[in-house]
């Protein structure tokens, strides 16, 4: 799994525990196992990362709906 997906999945897990404004970059990189540099190269903000993960989840839901039709 690439660093972007690892950060996205970590963000998803952390958001089940607390609101976005309470999640630090340090906590995110620790949870995802990527470096701070990887985060900085990939996302401009935590909000951008949360948006990326939200869109990833929605895309997965669309696939489930289509497959059930």
N, C-alpha and C. Protein backbone atom coordinates (compact mmCIF):
# COMPACT_ATOMS: atom_id res chain seq x y z
N UNK A 1 0.85 -1.17 0.00
CA UNK A 1 0.00 0.00 0.00
C UNK A 1 0.90 1.24 0.00
N UNK A 2 0.55 2.21 -0.83
CA UNK A 2 1.38 3.42 -0.90
C UNK A 2 1.11 4.35 0.27
N UNK A 3 1.99 5.32 0.44
CA UNK A 3 1.92 6.23 1.58
C UNK A 3 0.61 7.03 1.59
N UNK A 4 0.13 7.43 0.42
CA UNK A 4 -1.11 8.21 0.36
C UNK A 4 -2.28 7.41 0.92
N UNK A 5 -2.40 6.15 0.53
CA UNK A 5 -3.49 5.31 1.04
C UNK A 5 -3.30 5.03 2.53
N UNK A 6 -2.08 4.81 2.95
CA UNK A 6 -1.83 4.57 4.38
C UNK A 6 -2.26 5.76 5.21
N UNK A 7 -1.97 6.97 4.73
CA UNK A 7 -2.40 8.16 5.45
C UNK A 7 -3.92 8.31 5.41
N UNK A 8 -4.52 7.98 4.27
CA UNK A 8 -5.98 8.05 4.17
C UNK A 8 -6.66 7.10 5.14
N UNK A 9 -6.18 5.88 5.19
CA UNK A 9 -6.77 4.91 6.11
C UNK A 9 -6.56 5.30 7.56
N UNK A 10 -5.37 5.83 7.86
CA UNK A 10 -5.10 6.29 9.22
C UNK A 10 -6.04 7.44 9.58
N UNK A 11 -6.26 8.35 8.65
CA UNK A 11 -7.18 9.45 8.90
C UNK A 11 -8.58 8.92 9.18
N UNK A 12 -9.02 7.96 8.41
CA UNK A 12 -10.33 7.36 8.64
C UNK A 12 -10.45 6.76 10.04
N UNK A 13 -9.42 6.05 10.47
CA UNK A 13 -9.44 5.46 11.82
C UNK A 13 -9.46 6.54 12.90
N UNK A 14 -8.63 7.57 12.72
CA UNK A 14 -8.56 8.62 13.72
C UNK A 14 -9.87 9.41 13.80
N UNK A 15 -10.53 9.61 12.67
CA UNK A 15 -11.78 10.36 12.67
C UNK A 15 -12.91 9.61 13.37
N UNK A 16 -12.76 8.32 13.57
CA UNK A 16 -13.78 7.58 14.34
C UNK A 16 -13.62 7.83 15.83
N UNK A 17 -12.46 8.39 16.22
CA UNK A 17 -12.16 8.61 17.63
C UNK A 17 -12.30 10.07 18.06
N UNK A 18 -12.07 11.00 17.13
CA UNK A 18 -12.08 12.42 17.49
C UNK A 18 -12.29 13.29 16.25
N UNK A 19 -12.68 14.55 16.45
CA UNK A 19 -12.89 15.45 15.32
C UNK A 19 -11.57 15.83 14.64
N UNK A 20 -11.67 16.22 13.40
CA UNK A 20 -10.49 16.58 12.60
C UNK A 20 -9.63 17.62 13.30
N UNK A 21 -10.25 18.63 13.88
CA UNK A 21 -9.47 19.71 14.50
C UNK A 21 -8.63 19.24 15.69
N UNK A 22 -8.91 18.06 16.19
CA UNK A 22 -8.15 17.51 17.32
C UNK A 22 -7.08 16.51 16.91
N UNK A 23 -6.93 16.28 15.62
CA UNK A 23 -5.93 15.32 15.12
C UNK A 23 -4.71 16.10 14.65
N UNK A 24 -3.56 15.78 15.19
CA UNK A 24 -2.32 16.47 14.80
C UNK A 24 -1.64 15.70 13.66
N UNK A 25 -0.80 16.42 12.94
CA UNK A 25 -0.01 15.78 11.88
C UNK A 25 0.88 14.71 12.49
N UNK A 26 1.45 15.00 13.65
CA UNK A 26 2.32 14.02 14.31
C UNK A 26 1.57 12.74 14.63
N UNK A 27 0.34 12.88 15.11
CA UNK A 27 -0.48 11.72 15.42
C UNK A 27 -0.80 10.93 14.14
N UNK A 28 -1.11 11.66 13.09
CA UNK A 28 -1.44 11.02 11.80
C UNK A 28 -0.26 10.23 11.25
N UNK A 29 0.93 10.83 11.25
CA UNK A 29 2.08 10.10 10.70
C UNK A 29 2.46 8.91 11.56
N UNK A 30 2.29 9.04 12.86
CA UNK A 30 2.55 7.90 13.76
C UNK A 30 1.56 6.77 13.46
N UNK A 31 0.29 7.10 13.32
CA UNK A 31 -0.75 6.10 13.05
C UNK A 31 -0.56 5.44 11.69
N UNK A 32 -0.12 6.21 10.71
CA UNK A 32 0.01 5.67 9.35
C UNK A 32 1.35 5.01 9.08
N UNK A 33 2.35 5.35 9.90
CA UNK A 33 3.68 4.77 9.69
C UNK A 33 4.46 5.41 8.56
N UNK A 34 4.09 6.61 8.16
CA UNK A 34 4.83 7.33 7.12
C UNK A 34 5.60 8.47 7.77
N UNK A 35 6.49 9.08 7.03
CA UNK A 35 7.27 10.19 7.57
C UNK A 35 6.53 11.52 7.41
N UNK A 36 6.95 12.48 8.18
CA UNK A 36 6.38 13.83 8.05
C UNK A 36 6.64 14.37 6.65
N UNK A 37 7.81 14.08 6.11
CA UNK A 37 8.12 14.53 4.75
C UNK A 37 7.14 13.96 3.73
N UNK A 38 6.78 12.69 3.90
CA UNK A 38 5.81 12.08 2.98
C UNK A 38 4.46 12.79 3.07
N UNK A 39 4.05 13.12 4.29
CA UNK A 39 2.80 13.87 4.46
C UNK A 39 2.90 15.22 3.76
N UNK A 40 3.99 15.95 4.01
CA UNK A 40 4.16 17.29 3.44
C UNK A 40 4.20 17.28 1.91
N UNK A 41 4.78 16.24 1.33
CA UNK A 41 4.85 16.13 -0.13
C UNK A 41 3.50 15.77 -0.74
N UNK A 42 2.64 15.12 0.02
CA UNK A 42 1.39 14.57 -0.52
C UNK A 42 0.19 15.46 -0.29
N UNK A 43 0.09 16.08 0.86
CA UNK A 43 -1.09 16.87 1.21
C UNK A 43 -0.69 18.25 1.70
N UNK A 44 -1.49 19.25 1.35
CA UNK A 44 -1.23 20.63 1.78
C UNK A 44 -1.77 20.88 3.18
N UNK A 45 -2.73 20.05 3.62
CA UNK A 45 -3.34 20.26 4.94
C UNK A 45 -4.04 18.99 5.39
N UNK A 46 -4.39 18.96 6.65
CA UNK A 46 -5.16 17.83 7.19
C UNK A 46 -6.55 17.81 6.57
N UNK A 47 -7.09 18.97 6.28
CA UNK A 47 -8.40 19.05 5.64
C UNK A 47 -8.36 18.41 4.26
N UNK A 48 -7.30 18.65 3.51
CA UNK A 48 -7.15 18.03 2.19
C UNK A 48 -7.08 16.51 2.31
N UNK A 49 -6.36 16.03 3.30
CA UNK A 49 -6.26 14.59 3.53
C UNK A 49 -7.62 14.00 3.91
N UNK A 50 -8.36 14.68 4.78
CA UNK A 50 -9.69 14.20 5.17
C UNK A 50 -10.61 14.17 3.95
N UNK A 51 -10.52 15.17 3.10
CA UNK A 51 -11.32 15.21 1.87
C UNK A 51 -10.96 14.05 0.96
N UNK A 52 -9.68 13.78 0.80
CA UNK A 52 -9.22 12.64 -0.01
C UNK A 52 -9.82 11.34 0.51
N UNK A 53 -9.77 11.13 1.82
CA UNK A 53 -10.29 9.89 2.39
C UNK A 53 -11.81 9.81 2.23
N UNK A 54 -12.50 10.92 2.41
CA UNK A 54 -13.95 10.95 2.23
C UNK A 54 -14.31 10.55 0.80
N UNK A 55 -13.61 11.10 -0.18
CA UNK A 55 -13.89 10.74 -1.58
C UNK A 55 -13.58 9.27 -1.85
N UNK A 56 -12.54 8.75 -1.24
CA UNK A 56 -12.19 7.34 -1.39
C UNK A 56 -13.31 6.45 -0.84
N UNK A 57 -13.85 6.82 0.31
CA UNK A 57 -14.95 6.06 0.92
C UNK A 57 -16.18 6.13 0.02
N UNK A 58 -16.50 7.31 -0.48
CA UNK A 58 -17.66 7.46 -1.37
C UNK A 58 -17.51 6.62 -2.64
N UNK A 59 -16.32 6.60 -3.20
CA UNK A 59 -16.09 5.80 -4.41
C UNK A 59 -16.33 4.32 -4.12
N UNK A 60 -15.91 3.86 -2.96
CA UNK A 60 -16.14 2.47 -2.57
C UNK A 60 -17.62 2.17 -2.41
N UNK A 61 -18.37 3.12 -1.88
CA UNK A 61 -19.81 2.94 -1.71
C UNK A 61 -20.51 2.87 -3.07
N UNK A 62 -20.07 3.69 -4.01
CA UNK A 62 -20.66 3.67 -5.35
C UNK A 62 -20.44 2.31 -6.00
N UNK A 63 -19.27 1.74 -5.83
CA UNK A 63 -18.99 0.41 -6.40
C UNK A 63 -19.91 -0.64 -5.79
N UNK A 64 -20.16 -0.55 -4.48
CA UNK A 64 -21.06 -1.49 -3.83
C UNK A 64 -22.48 -1.37 -4.37
N UNK A 65 -22.94 -0.15 -4.55
CA UNK A 65 -24.29 0.07 -5.06
C UNK A 65 -24.41 -0.48 -6.49
N UNK A 66 -23.44 -0.17 -7.31
CA UNK A 66 -23.48 -0.64 -8.71
C UNK A 66 -23.47 -2.17 -8.78
N UNK A 67 -22.69 -2.79 -7.93
CA UNK A 67 -22.59 -4.25 -7.98
C UNK A 67 -23.85 -4.94 -7.47
N UNK A 68 -24.65 -4.22 -6.69
CA UNK A 68 -25.87 -4.83 -6.16
C UNK A 68 -27.07 -4.64 -7.08
N UNK A 69 -26.91 -3.88 -8.15
CA UNK A 69 -28.03 -3.64 -9.08
C UNK A 69 -28.19 -4.76 -10.08
